[in-house]
Amino acid sequence: MGRYEIAAQEDRSAPRTRLSIPAQLRQSGGRPFQTVVNDLSLSGFSATAVSRLHVGTVCWLTLPGLEAQQAEVIWWEDSMCGCAFAQLLSPIVHDNILTRYRGDGVYKG
């Protein structure tokens, strides 16, 4: 296993913060669609995805005020997907996102 894979496994035990963040999700080569991020950690997120996303699909998550983050679909079930970021989120970026949202989906920037 590479350094990221080891770190990602360690970070999966870190608490996931439940949120409600309006965002855009785009499969590689596809058009973006509106989504809601339901939880977030340094290594990934879960979000709504009405259309089926296949495991292993590369996608891009764009949160308000941030650059698109590359991720890979890990699971999809009942219009929800779980994705792992290609690069761990910076703890500073992660903390800023948590500070901006209080679970109500309202941007506090």
PDB file of N, CA and C in Angstrom:
ATOM      1  N   MET A   1       0.840  -1.192   0.000  1.00  0.00           N
ATOM      2  CA  MET A   1       0.000   0.000   0.000  1.00  0.00           C
ATOM      3  C   MET A   1       0.875   1.241   0.000  1.00  0.00           C
ATOM      4  N   GLY A   2       0.417   2.250  -0.724  1.00  0.00           N
ATOM      5  CA  GLY A   2       1.124   3.523  -0.759  1.00  0.00           C
ATOM      6  C   GLY A   2       0.833   4.363   0.473  1.00  0.00           C
ATOM      7  N   ARG A   3       1.529   5.484   0.574  1.00  0.00           N
ATOM      8  CA  ARG A   3       1.381   6.378   1.723  1.00  0.00           C
ATOM      9  C   ARG A   3      -0.054   6.885   1.874  1.00  0.00           C
ATOM     10  N   TYR A   4      -0.676   7.276   0.748  1.00  0.00           N
ATOM     11  CA  TYR A   4      -2.044   7.779   0.832  1.00  0.00           C
ATOM     12  C   TYR A   4      -3.003   6.703   1.337  1.00  0.00           C
ATOM     13  N   GLU A   5      -2.895   5.487   0.788  1.00  0.00           N
ATOM     14  CA  GLU A   5      -3.805   4.420   1.183  1.00  0.00           C
ATOM     15  C   GLU A   5      -3.708   4.139   2.669  1.00  0.00           C
ATOM     16  N   ILE A   6      -2.491   4.150   3.211  1.00  0.00           N
ATOM     17  CA  ILE A   6      -2.309   3.921   4.649  1.00  0.00           C
ATOM     18  C   ILE A   6      -2.927   5.072   5.435  1.00  0.00           C
ATOM     19  N   ALA A   7      -2.650   6.304   5.028  1.00  0.00           N
ATOM     20  CA  ALA A   7      -3.194   7.470   5.723  1.00  0.00           C
ATOM     21  C   ALA A   7      -4.716   7.497   5.625  1.00  0.00           C
ATOM     22  N   ALA A   8      -5.255   7.155   4.473  1.00  0.00           N
ATOM     23  CA  ALA A   8      -6.709   7.177   4.296  1.00  0.00           C
ATOM     24  C   ALA A   8      -7.377   6.169   5.223  1.00  0.00           C
ATOM     25  N   GLN A   9      -6.776   5.008   5.384  1.00  0.00           N
ATOM     26  CA  GLN A   9      -7.337   4.013   6.295  1.00  0.00           C
ATOM     27  C   GLN A   9      -7.310   4.520   7.731  1.00  0.00           C
ATOM     28  N   GLU A  10      -6.231   5.176   8.119  1.00  0.00           N
ATOM     29  CA  GLU A  10      -6.149   5.740   9.462  1.00  0.00           C
ATOM     30  C   GLU A  10      -7.202   6.821   9.645  1.00  0.00           C
ATOM     31  N   ASP A  11      -7.404   7.669   8.623  1.00  0.00           N
ATOM     32  CA  ASP A  11      -8.344   8.781   8.736  1.00  0.00           C
ATOM     33  C   ASP A  11      -9.797   8.323   8.701  1.00  0.00           C
ATOM     34  N   ARG A  12     -10.072   7.104   8.227  1.00  0.00           N
ATOM     35  CA  ARG A  12     -11.445   6.615   8.243  1.00  0.00           C
ATOM     36  C   ARG A  12     -11.914   6.434   9.677  1.00  0.00           C
ATOM     37  N   SER A  13     -10.993   6.294  10.626  1.00  0.00           N
ATOM     38  CA  SER A  13     -11.396   6.172  12.014  1.00  0.00           C
ATOM     39  C   SER A  13     -11.602   7.543  12.650  1.00  0.00           C
ATOM     40  N   ALA A  14     -11.212   8.604  11.956  1.00  0.00           N
ATOM     41  CA  ALA A  14     -11.447   9.960  12.444  1.00  0.00           C
ATOM     42  C   ALA A  14     -12.939  10.249  12.309  1.00  0.00           C
ATOM     43  N   PRO A  15     -13.444  11.102  13.176  1.00  0.00           N
ATOM     44  CA  PRO A  15     -14.886  11.381  13.108  1.00  0.00           C
ATOM     45  C   PRO A  15     -15.288  12.034  11.792  1.00  0.00           C
ATOM     46  N   ARG A  16     -16.403  11.574  11.277  1.00  0.00           N
ATOM     47  CA  ARG A  16     -17.007  12.206  10.099  1.00  0.00           C
ATOM     48  C   ARG A  16     -17.998  13.209  10.634  1.00  0.00           C
ATOM     49  N   THR A  17     -17.974  14.395  10.092  1.00  0.00           N
ATOM     50  CA  THR A  17     -18.871  15.440  10.545  1.00  0.00           C
ATOM     51  C   THR A  17     -20.101  15.476   9.658  1.00  0.00           C
ATOM     52  N   ARG A  18     -21.269  15.341  10.273  1.00  0.00           N
ATOM     53  CA  ARG A  18     -22.521  15.423   9.519  1.00  0.00           C
ATOM     54  C   ARG A  18     -22.791  16.876   9.186  1.00  0.00           C
ATOM     55  N   LEU A  19     -23.034  17.125   7.912  1.00  0.00           N
ATOM     56  CA  LEU A  19     -23.271  18.467   7.403  1.00  0.00           C
ATOM     57  C   LEU A  19     -24.399  18.428   6.392  1.00  0.00           C
ATOM     58  N   SER A  20     -24.750  19.584   5.898  1.00  0.00           N
ATOM     59  CA  SER A  20     -25.664  19.689   4.770  1.00  0.00           C
ATOM     60  C   SER A  20     -25.149  20.847   3.919  1.00  0.00           C
ATOM     61  N   ILE A  21     -24.310  20.499   2.934  1.00  0.00           N
ATOM     62  CA  ILE A  21     -23.657  21.517   2.111  1.00  0.00           C
ATOM     63  C   ILE A  21     -24.099  21.360   0.660  1.00  0.00           C
ATOM     64  N   PRO A  22     -24.757  22.383   0.085  1.00  0.00           N
ATOM     65  CA  PRO A  22     -25.057  22.307  -1.342  1.00  0.00           C
ATOM     66  C   PRO A  22     -23.754  22.361  -2.130  1.00  0.00           C
ATOM     67  N   ALA A  23     -23.629  21.496  -3.114  1.00  0.00           N
ATOM     68  CA  ALA A  23     -22.379  21.403  -3.876  1.00  0.00           C
ATOM     69  C   ALA A  23     -22.691  20.913  -5.284  1.00  0.00           C
ATOM     70  N   GLN A  24     -21.632  20.762  -6.084  1.00  0.00           N
ATOM     71  CA  GLN A  24     -21.746  20.156  -7.404  1.00  0.00           C
ATOM     72  C   GLN A  24     -20.850  18.932  -7.445  1.00  0.00           C
ATOM     73  N   LEU A  25     -21.340  17.891  -8.107  1.00  0.00           N
ATOM     74  CA  LEU A  25     -20.570  16.678  -8.307  1.00  0.00           C
ATOM     75  C   LEU A  25     -20.570  16.402  -9.801  1.00  0.00           C
ATOM     76  N   ARG A  26     -19.419  16.012 -10.326  1.00  0.00           N
ATOM     77  CA  ARG A  26     -19.298  15.735 -11.754  1.00  0.00           C
ATOM     78  C   ARG A  26     -18.474  14.479 -11.955  1.00  0.00           C
ATOM     79  N   GLN A  27     -19.045  13.515 -12.687  1.00  0.00           N
ATOM     80  CA  GLN A  27     -18.268  12.351 -13.082  1.00  0.00           C
ATOM     81  C   GLN A  27     -17.269  12.792 -14.133  1.00  0.00           C
ATOM     82  N   SER A  28     -16.124  12.165 -14.177  1.00  0.00           N
ATOM     83  CA  SER A  28     -15.129  12.487 -15.190  1.00  0.00           C
ATOM     84  C   SER A  28     -15.769  12.353 -16.566  1.00  0.00           C
ATOM     85  N   GLY A  29     -15.682  13.429 -17.363  1.00  0.00           N
ATOM     86  CA  GLY A  29     -16.241  13.430 -18.703  1.00  0.00           C
ATOM     87  C   GLY A  29     -17.726  13.745 -18.757  1.00  0.00           C
ATOM     88  N   GLY A  30     -18.351  13.978 -17.602  1.00  0.00           N
ATOM     89  CA  GLY A  30     -19.787  14.242 -17.577  1.00  0.00           C
ATOM     90  C   GLY A  30     -20.104  15.679 -17.198  1.00  0.00           C
ATOM     91  N   ARG A  31     -21.373  15.962 -17.135  1.00  0.00           N
ATOM     92  CA  ARG A  31     -21.840  17.293 -16.736  1.00  0.00           C
ATOM     93  C   ARG A  31     -22.023  17.321 -15.219  1.00  0.00           C
ATOM     94  N   PRO A  32     -21.772  18.480 -14.602  1.00  0.00           N
ATOM     95  CA  PRO A  32     -21.988  18.574 -13.159  1.00  0.00           C
ATOM     96  C   PRO A  32     -23.476  18.536 -12.811  1.00  0.00           C
ATOM     97  N   PHE A  33     -23.774  18.024 -11.628  1.00  0.00           N
ATOM     98  CA  PHE A  33     -25.147  18.046 -11.136  1.00  0.00           C
ATOM     99  C   PHE A  33     -25.133  18.522  -9.692  1.00  0.00           C
ATOM    100  N   GLN A  34     -26.255  19.083  -9.282  1.00  0.00           N
ATOM    101  CA  GLN A  34     -26.382  19.580  -7.916  1.00  0.00           C
ATOM    102  C   GLN A  34     -26.467  18.397  -6.960  1.00  0.00           C
ATOM    103  N   THR A  35     -25.826  18.530  -5.812  1.00  0.00           N
ATOM    104  CA  THR A  35     -25.831  17.494  -4.795  1.00  0.00           C
ATOM    105  C   THR A  35     -25.833  18.155  -3.430  1.00  0.00           C
ATOM    106  N   VAL A  36     -25.947  17.347  -2.408  1.00  0.00           N
ATOM    107  CA  VAL A  36     -25.802  17.814  -1.036  1.00  0.00           C
ATOM    108  C   VAL A  36     -24.812  16.883  -0.355  1.00  0.00           C
ATOM    109  N   VAL A  37     -23.751  17.458   0.191  1.00  0.00           N
ATOM    110  CA  VAL A  37     -22.773  16.685   0.957  1.00  0.00           C
ATOM    111  C   VAL A  37     -23.369  16.458   2.338  1.00  0.00           C
ATOM    112  N   ASN A  38     -23.426  15.199   2.751  1.00  0.00           N
ATOM    113  CA  ASN A  38     -24.061  14.835   4.023  1.00  0.00           C
ATOM    114  C   ASN A  38     -23.078  14.622   5.157  1.00  0.00           C
ATOM    115  N   ASP A  39     -21.877  14.232   4.817  1.00  0.00           N
ATOM    116  CA  ASP A  39     -20.826  14.145   5.830  1.00  0.00           C
ATOM    117  C   ASP A  39     -19.482  14.313   5.158  1.00  0.00           C
ATOM    118  N   LEU A  40     -18.500  14.696   5.969  1.00  0.00           N
ATOM    119  CA  LEU A  40     -17.192  15.047   5.428  1.00  0.00           C
ATOM    120  C   LEU A  40     -16.110  14.632   6.411  1.00  0.00           C
ATOM    121  N   SER A  41     -15.019  14.115   5.878  1.00  0.00           N
ATOM    122  CA  SER A  41     -13.824  13.835   6.674  1.00  0.00           C
ATOM    123  C   SER A  41     -12.617  14.266   5.849  1.00  0.00           C
ATOM    124  N   LEU A  42     -11.437  14.115   6.398  1.00  0.00           N
ATOM    125  CA  LEU A  42     -10.223  14.452   5.661  1.00  0.00           C
ATOM    126  C   LEU A  42     -10.067  13.585   4.414  1.00  0.00           C
ATOM    127  N   SER A  43     -10.616  12.368   4.458  1.00  0.00           N
ATOM    128  CA  SER A  43     -10.381  11.437   3.354  1.00  0.00           C
ATOM    129  C   SER A  43     -11.559  11.246   2.415  1.00  0.00           C
ATOM    130  N   GLY A  44     -12.742  11.799   2.739  1.00  0.00           N
ATOM    131  CA  GLY A  44     -13.859  11.585   1.838  1.00  0.00           C
ATOM    132  C   GLY A  44     -15.147  12.226   2.297  1.00  0.00           C
ATOM    133  N   PHE A  45     -16.236  11.823   1.626  1.00  0.00           N
ATOM    134  CA  PHE A  45     -17.539  12.418   1.888  1.00  0.00           C
ATOM    135  C   PHE A  45     -18.634  11.474   1.416  1.00  0.00           C
ATOM    136  N   SER A  46     -19.844  11.739   1.863  1.00  0.00           N
ATOM    137  CA  SER A  46     -21.014  11.108   1.257  1.00  0.00           C
ATOM    138  C   SER A  46     -21.914  12.230   0.756  1.00  0.00           C
ATOM    139  N   ALA A  47     -22.643  11.933  -0.327  1.00  0.00           N
ATOM    140  CA  ALA A  47     -23.482  12.942  -0.956  1.00  0.00           C
ATOM    141  C   ALA A  47     -24.645  12.277  -1.677  1.00  0.00           C
ATOM    142  N   THR A  48     -25.655  13.079  -1.990  1.00  0.00           N
ATOM    143  CA  THR A  48     -26.771  12.557  -2.769  1.00  0.00           C
ATOM    144  C   THR A  48     -26.335  12.378  -4.221  1.00  0.00           C
ATOM    145  N   ALA A  49     -26.866  11.355  -4.861  1.00  0.00           N
ATOM    146  CA  ALA A  49     -26.583  11.089  -6.276  1.00  0.00           C
ATOM    147  C   ALA A  49     -27.744  10.272  -6.818  1.00  0.00           C
ATOM    148  N   VAL A  50     -28.723  10.958  -7.379  1.00  0.00           N
ATOM    149  CA  VAL A  50     -29.929  10.281  -7.855  1.00  0.00           C
ATOM    150  C   VAL A  50     -29.585   9.259  -8.928  1.00  0.00           C
ATOM    151  N   SER A  51     -28.717   9.621  -9.852  1.00  0.00           N
ATOM    152  CA  SER A  51     -28.266   8.681 -10.878  1.00  0.00           C
ATOM    153  C   SER A  51     -27.175   7.791 -10.297  1.00  0.00           C
ATOM    154  N   ARG A  52     -27.217   6.545 -10.703  1.00  0.00           N
ATOM    155  CA  ARG A  52     -26.238   5.576 -10.189  1.00  0.00           C
ATOM    156  C   ARG A  52     -24.821   5.982 -10.568  1.00  0.00           C
ATOM    157  N   LEU A  53     -23.925   5.947  -9.584  1.00  0.00           N
ATOM    158  CA  LEU A  53     -22.492   6.157  -9.804  1.00  0.00           C
ATOM    159  C   LEU A  53     -21.808   4.824  -9.545  1.00  0.00           C
ATOM    160  N   HIS A  54     -21.035   4.360 -10.487  1.00  0.00           N
ATOM    161  CA  HIS A  54     -20.392   3.055 -10.356  1.00  0.00           C
ATOM    162  C   HIS A  54     -19.117   3.145  -9.523  1.00  0.00           C
ATOM    163  N   VAL A  55     -18.913   2.136  -8.716  1.00  0.00           N
ATOM    164  CA  VAL A  55     -17.710   2.052  -7.897  1.00  0.00           C
ATOM    165  C   VAL A  55     -16.482   2.171  -8.792  1.00  0.00           C
ATOM    166  N   GLY A  56     -15.532   2.994  -8.370  1.00  0.00           N
ATOM    167  CA  GLY A  56     -14.306   3.200  -9.127  1.00  0.00           C
ATOM    168  C   GLY A  56     -14.360   4.407 -10.055  1.00  0.00           C
ATOM    169  N   THR A  57     -15.539   4.996 -10.239  1.00  0.00           N
ATOM    170  CA  THR A  57     -15.679   6.170 -11.099  1.00  0.00           C
ATOM    171  C   THR A  57     -14.948   7.360 -10.498  1.00  0.00           C
ATOM    172  N   VAL A  58     -14.183   8.056 -11.323  1.00  0.00           N
ATOM    173  CA  VAL A  58     -13.518   9.284 -10.880  1.00  0.00           C
ATOM    174  C   VAL A  58     -14.540  10.413 -10.992  1.00  0.00           C
ATOM    175  N   CYS A  59     -14.601  11.240  -9.954  1.00  0.00           N
ATOM    176  CA  CYS A  59     -15.535  12.356  -9.961  1.00  0.00           C
ATOM    177  C   CYS A  59     -14.864  13.576  -9.337  1.00  0.00           C
ATOM    178  N   TRP A  60     -15.549  14.699  -9.437  1.00  0.00           N
ATOM    179  CA  TRP A  60     -15.038  15.969  -8.929  1.00  0.00           C
ATOM    180  C   TRP A  60     -16.116  16.622  -8.084  1.00  0.00           C
ATOM    181  N   LEU A  61     -15.785  16.959  -6.843  1.00  0.00           N
ATOM    182  CA  LEU A  61     -16.697  17.643  -5.928  1.00  0.00           C
ATOM    183  C   LEU A  61     -16.292  19.106  -5.839  1.00  0.00           C
ATOM    184  N   THR A  62     -17.269  19.995  -6.075  1.00  0.00           N
ATOM    185  CA  THR A  62     -17.009  21.420  -5.943  1.00  0.00           C
ATOM    186  C   THR A  62     -17.896  21.977  -4.839  1.00  0.00           C
ATOM    187  N   LEU A  63     -17.258  22.425  -3.768  1.00  0.00           N
ATOM    188  CA  LEU A  63     -17.941  23.075  -2.659  1.00  0.00           C
ATOM    189  C   LEU A  63     -17.839  24.583  -2.856  1.00  0.00           C
ATOM    190  N   PRO A  64     -18.809  25.357  -2.370  1.00  0.00           N
ATOM    191  CA  PRO A  64     -18.761  26.808  -2.541  1.00  0.00           C
ATOM    192  C   PRO A  64     -17.438  27.398  -2.047  1.00  0.00           C
ATOM    193  N   GLY A  65     -16.813  28.209  -2.916  1.00  0.00           N
ATOM    194  CA  GLY A  65     -15.588  28.898  -2.544  1.00  0.00           C
ATOM    195  C   GLY A  65     -14.320  28.076  -2.625  1.00  0.00           C
ATOM    196  N   LEU A  66     -14.416  26.827  -3.072  1.00  0.00           N
ATOM    197  CA  LEU A  66     -13.231  25.960  -3.150  1.00  0.00           C
ATOM    198  C   LEU A  66     -13.056  25.429  -4.566  1.00  0.00           C
ATOM    199  N   GLU A  67     -11.823  25.046  -4.880  1.00  0.00           N
ATOM    200  CA  GLU A  67     -11.549  24.380  -6.149  1.00  0.00           C
ATOM    201  C   GLU A  67     -12.164  22.981  -6.113  1.00  0.00           C
ATOM    202  N   ALA A  68     -12.435  22.436  -7.287  1.00  0.00           N
ATOM    203  CA  ALA A  68     -12.956  21.078  -7.377  1.00  0.00           C
ATOM    204  C   ALA A  68     -11.939  20.094  -6.803  1.00  0.00           C
ATOM    205  N   GLN A  69     -12.445  19.145  -6.043  1.00  0.00           N
ATOM    206  CA  GLN A  69     -11.607  18.113  -5.430  1.00  0.00           C
ATOM    207  C   GLN A  69     -11.878  16.785  -6.120  1.00  0.00           C
ATOM    208  N   GLN A  70     -10.811  16.138  -6.598  1.00  0.00           N
ATOM    209  CA  GLN A  70     -10.965  14.841  -7.253  1.00  0.00           C
ATOM    210  C   GLN A  70     -11.227  13.775  -6.203  1.00  0.00           C
ATOM    211  N   ALA A  71     -12.129  12.848  -6.554  1.00  0.00           N
ATOM    212  CA  ALA A  71     -12.465  11.751  -5.648  1.00  0.00           C
ATOM    213  C   ALA A  71     -12.792  10.510  -6.472  1.00  0.00           C
ATOM    214  N   GLU A  72     -12.944   9.401  -5.790  1.00  0.00           N
ATOM    215  CA  GLU A  72     -13.322   8.144  -6.418  1.00  0.00           C
ATOM    216  C   GLU A  72     -14.529   7.586  -5.692  1.00  0.00           C
ATOM    217  N   VAL A  73     -15.509   7.113  -6.457  1.00  0.00           N
ATOM    218  CA  VAL A  73     -16.707   6.531  -5.855  1.00  0.00           C
ATOM    219  C   VAL A  73     -16.329   5.200  -5.203  1.00  0.00           C
ATOM    220  N   ILE A  74     -16.677   5.064  -3.932  1.00  0.00           N
ATOM    221  CA  ILE A  74     -16.395   3.843  -3.176  1.00  0.00           C
ATOM    222  C   ILE A  74     -17.653   2.994  -3.056  1.00  0.00           C
ATOM    223  N   TRP A  75     -18.794   3.653  -2.934  1.00  0.00           N
ATOM    224  CA  TRP A  75     -20.067   2.941  -2.863  1.00  0.00           C
ATOM    225  C   TRP A  75     -21.198   3.841  -3.353  1.00  0.00           C
ATOM    226  N   TRP A  76     -22.288   3.213  -3.792  1.00  0.00           N
ATOM    227  CA  TRP A  76     -23.527   3.908  -4.163  1.00  0.00           C
ATOM    228  C   TRP A  76     -24.680   3.023  -3.713  1.00  0.00           C
ATOM    229  N   GLU A  77     -25.655   3.640  -3.024  1.00  0.00           N
ATOM    230  CA  GLU A  77     -26.813   2.881  -2.555  1.00  0.00           C
ATOM    231  C   GLU A  77     -27.966   3.839  -2.285  1.00  0.00           C
ATOM    232  N   ASP A  78     -29.119   3.530  -2.824  1.00  0.00           N
ATOM    233  CA  ASP A  78     -30.335   4.310  -2.572  1.00  0.00           C
ATOM    234  C   ASP A  78     -30.126   5.815  -2.750  1.00  0.00           C
ATOM    235  N   SER A  79     -29.583   6.199  -3.873  1.00  0.00           N
ATOM    236  CA  SER A  79     -29.373   7.622  -4.235  1.00  0.00           C
ATOM    237  C   SER A  79     -28.371   8.339  -3.343  1.00  0.00           C
ATOM    238  N   MET A  80     -27.486   7.611  -2.743  1.00  0.00           N
ATOM    239  CA  MET A  80     -26.389   8.177  -1.937  1.00  0.00           C
ATOM    240  C   MET A  80     -25.084   7.548  -2.418  1.00  0.00           C
ATOM    241  N   CYS A  81     -24.008   8.351  -2.408  1.00  0.00           N
ATOM    242  CA  CYS A  81     -22.704   7.796  -2.765  1.00  0.00           C
ATOM    243  C   CYS A  81     -21.696   8.171  -1.695  1.00  0.00           C
ATOM    244  N   GLY A  82     -20.710   7.332  -1.564  1.00  0.00           N
ATOM    245  CA  GLY A  82     -19.572   7.593  -0.688  1.00  0.00           C
ATOM    246  C   GLY A  82     -18.333   7.657  -1.555  1.00  0.00           C
ATOM    247  N   CYS A  83     -17.525   8.705  -1.349  1.00  0.00           N
ATOM    248  CA  CYS A  83     -16.352   8.909  -2.192  1.00  0.00           C
ATOM    249  C   CYS A  83     -15.117   9.167  -1.341  1.00  0.00           C
ATOM    250  N   ALA A  84     -13.973   8.744  -1.852  1.00  0.00           N
ATOM    251  CA  ALA A  84     -12.683   8.988  -1.206  1.00  0.00           C
ATOM    252  C   ALA A  84     -11.924  10.017  -2.036  1.00  0.00           C
ATOM    253  N   PHE A  85     -11.435  11.051  -1.372  1.00  0.00           N
ATOM    254  CA  PHE A  85     -10.648  12.064  -2.072  1.00  0.00           C
ATOM    255  C   PHE A  85      -9.361  11.463  -2.613  1.00  0.00           C
ATOM    256  N   ALA A  86      -8.924  11.930  -3.780  1.00  0.00           N
ATOM    257  CA  ALA A  86      -7.655  11.489  -4.369  1.00  0.00           C
ATOM    258  C   ALA A  86      -6.480  11.963  -3.510  1.00  0.00           C
ATOM    259  N   GLN A  87      -6.617  13.132  -2.916  1.00  0.00           N
ATOM    260  CA  GLN A  87      -5.622  13.685  -1.989  1.00  0.00           C
ATOM    261  C   GLN A  87      -6.368  14.032  -0.703  1.00  0.00           C
ATOM    262  N   LEU A  88      -5.800  13.683   0.430  1.00  0.00           N
ATOM    263  CA  LEU A  88      -6.443  14.039   1.691  1.00  0.00           C
ATOM    264  C   LEU A  88      -6.667  15.546   1.742  1.00  0.00           C
ATOM    265  N   LEU A  89      -7.805  15.956   2.281  1.00  0.00           N
ATOM    266  CA  LEU A  89      -8.038  17.385   2.479  1.00  0.00           C
ATOM    267  C   LEU A  89      -7.045  17.915   3.496  1.00  0.00           C
ATOM    268  N   SER A  90      -6.599  19.107   3.296  1.00  0.00           N
ATOM    269  CA  SER A  90      -5.772  19.767   4.286  1.00  0.00           C
ATOM    270  C   SER A  90      -6.618  19.939   5.549  1.00  0.00           C
ATOM    271  N   PRO A  91      -6.052  19.685   6.732  1.00  0.00           N
ATOM    272  CA  PRO A  91      -6.809  19.913   7.963  1.00  0.00           C
ATOM    273  C   PRO A  91      -7.309  21.354   8.079  1.00  0.00           C
ATOM    274  N   ILE A  92      -6.558  22.291   7.534  1.00  0.00           N
ATOM    275  CA  ILE A  92      -6.979  23.693   7.580  1.00  0.00           C
ATOM    276  C   ILE A  92      -8.221  23.891   6.718  1.00  0.00           C
ATOM    277  N   VAL A  93      -8.217  23.346   5.493  1.00  0.00           N
ATOM    278  CA  VAL A  93      -9.377  23.447   4.603  1.00  0.00           C
ATOM    279  C   VAL A  93     -10.573  22.753   5.254  1.00  0.00           C
ATOM    280  N   HIS A  94     -10.359  21.565   5.789  1.00  0.00           N
ATOM    281  CA  HIS A  94     -11.420  20.810   6.454  1.00  0.00           C
ATOM    282  C   HIS A  94     -12.031  21.626   7.588  1.00  0.00           C
ATOM    283  N   ASP A  95     -11.195  22.189   8.439  1.00  0.00           N
ATOM    284  CA  ASP A  95     -11.689  22.986   9.563  1.00  0.00           C
ATOM    285  C   ASP A  95     -12.432  24.224   9.091  1.00  0.00           C
ATOM    286  N   ASN A  96     -11.953  24.852   8.011  1.00  0.00           N
ATOM    287  CA  ASN A  96     -12.644  26.027   7.461  1.00  0.00           C
ATOM    288  C   ASN A  96     -14.035  25.656   6.949  1.00  0.00           C
ATOM    289  N   ILE A  97     -14.153  24.509   6.295  1.00  0.00           N
ATOM    290  CA  ILE A  97     -15.457  24.050   5.810  1.00  0.00           C
ATOM    291  C   ILE A  97     -16.397  23.840   7.000  1.00  0.00           C
ATOM    292  N   LEU A  98     -15.900  23.185   8.041  1.00  0.00           N
ATOM    293  CA  LEU A  98     -16.734  22.936   9.216  1.00  0.00           C
ATOM    294  C   LEU A  98     -17.159  24.239   9.878  1.00  0.00           C
ATOM    295  N   THR A  99     -16.263  25.223   9.892  1.00  0.00           N
ATOM    296  CA  THR A  99     -16.579  26.519  10.483  1.00  0.00           C
ATOM    297  C   THR A  99     -17.660  27.239   9.692  1.00  0.00           C
ATOM    298  N   ARG A 100     -17.630  27.098   8.345  1.00  0.00           N
ATOM    299  CA  ARG A 100     -18.572  27.820   7.494  1.00  0.00           C
ATOM    300  C   ARG A 100     -19.984  27.244   7.509  1.00  0.00           C
ATOM    301  N   TYR A 101     -20.132  25.979   7.868  1.00  0.00           N
ATOM    302  CA  TYR A 101     -21.437  25.320   7.823  1.00  0.00           C
ATOM    303  C   TYR A 101     -21.804  24.827   9.209  1.00  0.00           C
ATOM    304  N   ARG A 102     -23.047  25.065   9.555  1.00  0.00           N
ATOM    305  CA  ARG A 102     -23.539  24.641  10.860  1.00  0.00           C
ATOM    306  C   ARG A 102     -24.651  23.604  10.700  1.00  0.00           C
ATOM    307  N   GLY A 103     -24.573  22.793   9.648  1.00  0.00           N
ATOM    308  CA  GLY A 103     -25.575  21.774   9.422  1.00  0.00           C
ATOM    309  C   GLY A 103     -26.870  22.278   8.799  1.00  0.00           C
ATOM    310  N   ASP A 104     -26.910  23.585   8.438  1.00  0.00           N
ATOM    311  CA  ASP A 104     -28.136  24.127   7.862  1.00  0.00           C
ATOM    312  C   ASP A 104     -27.999  24.414   6.370  1.00  0.00           C
ATOM    313  N   GLY A 105     -26.834  24.109   5.795  1.00  0.00           N
ATOM    314  CA  GLY A 105     -26.630  24.298   4.370  1.00  0.00           C
ATOM    315  C   GLY A 105     -26.422  25.759   3.978  1.00  0.00           C
ATOM    316  N   VAL A 106     -26.249  26.625   4.932  1.00  0.00           N
ATOM    317  CA  VAL A 106     -26.064  28.038   4.652  1.00  0.00           C
ATOM    318  C   VAL A 106     -24.582  28.365   4.712  1.00  0.00           C
ATOM    319  N   TYR A 107     -24.091  28.941   3.636  1.00  0.00           N
ATOM    320  CA  TYR A 107     -22.689  29.320   3.542  1.00  0.00           C
ATOM    321  C   TYR A 107     -22.387  30.470   4.501  1.00  0.00           C
ATOM    322  N   LYS A 108     -21.369  30.330   5.334  1.00  0.00           N
ATOM    323  CA  LYS A 108     -21.025  31.351   6.328  1.00  0.00           C
ATOM    324  C   LYS A 108     -19.785  32.144   5.936  1.00  0.00           C
ATOM    325  N   GLY A 109     -19.379  32.086   4.640  1.00  0.00           N
ATOM    326  CA  GLY A 109     -18.150  32.695   4.174  1.00  0.00           C
ATOM    327  C   GLY A 109     -18.173  34.153   4.317  1.00  0.00           C
TER     328      GLY A 109
END
